Protein backbone atom coordinates (compact mmCIF):
# COMPACT_ATOMS: atom_id res chain seq x y z
CA MET A 1 -18.70 6.80 5.71
CA LEU A 2 -16.66 3.72 4.92
CA ARG A 3 -13.62 4.08 2.68
CA GLY A 4 -11.04 1.61 1.53
CA LEU A 5 -12.61 -1.34 3.30
CA GLU A 6 -11.91 -4.82 2.04
CA LEU A 7 -13.15 -7.76 4.05
CA GLU A 8 -13.52 -11.44 3.30
CA LEU A 9 -14.66 -14.09 5.76
CA ALA A 10 -14.30 -17.82 5.27
CA ARG A 11 -17.13 -20.19 6.10
CA GLY A 12 -17.45 -20.57 9.86
CA GLU A 13 -15.38 -17.48 10.69
CA ALA A 14 -16.70 -14.93 13.15
CA LEU A 15 -15.98 -11.22 13.17
CA GLY A 16 -16.11 -8.57 15.85
CA LEU A 17 -16.34 -4.88 14.94
CA LEU A 18 -14.73 -2.40 17.29
CA GLY A 19 -14.49 1.34 16.86
CA PRO A 20 -15.61 4.68 18.18
CA ASN A 21 -19.07 6.12 17.67
CA GLY A 22 -19.62 7.17 14.08
CA SER A 23 -16.86 4.99 12.64
CA GLY A 24 -19.23 2.98 10.42
CA LYS A 25 -19.80 -0.25 12.35
CA SER A 26 -23.60 -0.12 12.12
CA THR A 27 -23.45 1.14 8.55
CA LEU A 28 -21.34 -1.85 7.54
CA LEU A 29 -23.78 -4.26 9.17
CA ARG A 30 -26.78 -2.53 7.55
CA LEU A 31 -25.06 -2.73 4.16
CA CYS A 32 -24.34 -6.44 4.58
CA ALA A 33 -27.94 -7.07 5.63
CA GLY A 34 -29.22 -5.31 2.50
CA LEU A 35 -30.90 -2.55 4.51
CA GLU A 36 -28.79 0.16 2.86
CA ARG A 37 -27.08 0.35 -0.51
CA PRO A 38 -23.51 1.49 -1.00
CA ARG A 39 -23.11 4.91 -2.62
CA ALA A 40 -20.02 3.69 -4.46
CA GLY A 41 -17.98 0.54 -4.82
CA GLU A 42 -19.13 -3.05 -4.64
CA LEU A 43 -20.55 -5.22 -1.91
CA GLU A 44 -21.25 -8.94 -2.11
CA VAL A 45 -22.62 -11.38 0.42
CA LEU A 46 -22.05 -15.00 -0.60
CA GLY A 47 -21.15 -13.71 -4.06
CA LEU A 48 -24.51 -11.94 -4.42
CA ALA A 49 -25.82 -8.43 -3.94
CA PRO A 50 -26.97 -8.14 -0.30
CA GLU A 51 -30.55 -7.39 -1.36
CA HIS A 52 -30.73 -10.71 -3.28
CA ALA A 53 -33.14 -13.11 -1.55
CA ALA A 54 -30.55 -15.90 -1.21
CA ALA A 55 -28.10 -13.54 0.50
CA ARG A 56 -30.75 -12.03 2.78
CA ALA A 57 -31.82 -15.51 3.87
CA ARG A 58 -28.31 -16.11 5.23
CA VAL A 59 -27.79 -12.80 7.03
CA GLY A 60 -29.46 -11.74 10.26
CA TYR A 61 -29.36 -8.26 11.72
CA CYS A 62 -30.78 -7.32 15.11
CA PRO A 63 -29.72 -3.84 16.22
CA GLU A 64 -29.45 -2.89 19.87
CA ASP A 65 -32.51 -0.67 19.60
CA SER A 66 -34.68 -3.21 17.77
CA PRO A 67 -38.46 -2.92 18.24
CA TRP A 68 -38.97 -6.48 19.56
CA PRO A 69 -41.17 -6.73 22.64
CA ALA A 70 -38.99 -6.98 25.76
CA GLU A 71 -40.94 -9.99 27.09
CA LEU A 72 -39.81 -12.24 24.20
CA GLU A 73 -37.10 -14.80 24.80
CA LEU A 74 -34.16 -14.57 22.37
CA HIS A 75 -35.22 -17.65 20.39
CA GLU A 76 -38.75 -16.23 20.07
CA ALA A 77 -37.48 -12.92 18.70
CA LEU A 78 -35.22 -14.73 16.23
CA GLU A 79 -38.15 -16.80 14.97
CA LEU A 80 -39.99 -13.62 13.98
């Protein structure tokens, strides 16, 4: 569970998430990608709810255990 998190990134900034197992790294990414909804609080991506089409078009999420066929090159998987 994530508590007390406030994060703002400027255009062009990159972010790395570090933490132990179960600390919420994947949950945060899934929330930002619109794959999960927060139970409380607010979350905006580009000033929009993450599930909004314009926000989803700007966010990519590819988990380590994604179901992409192993024979695909990275650019091919991203085009899917």
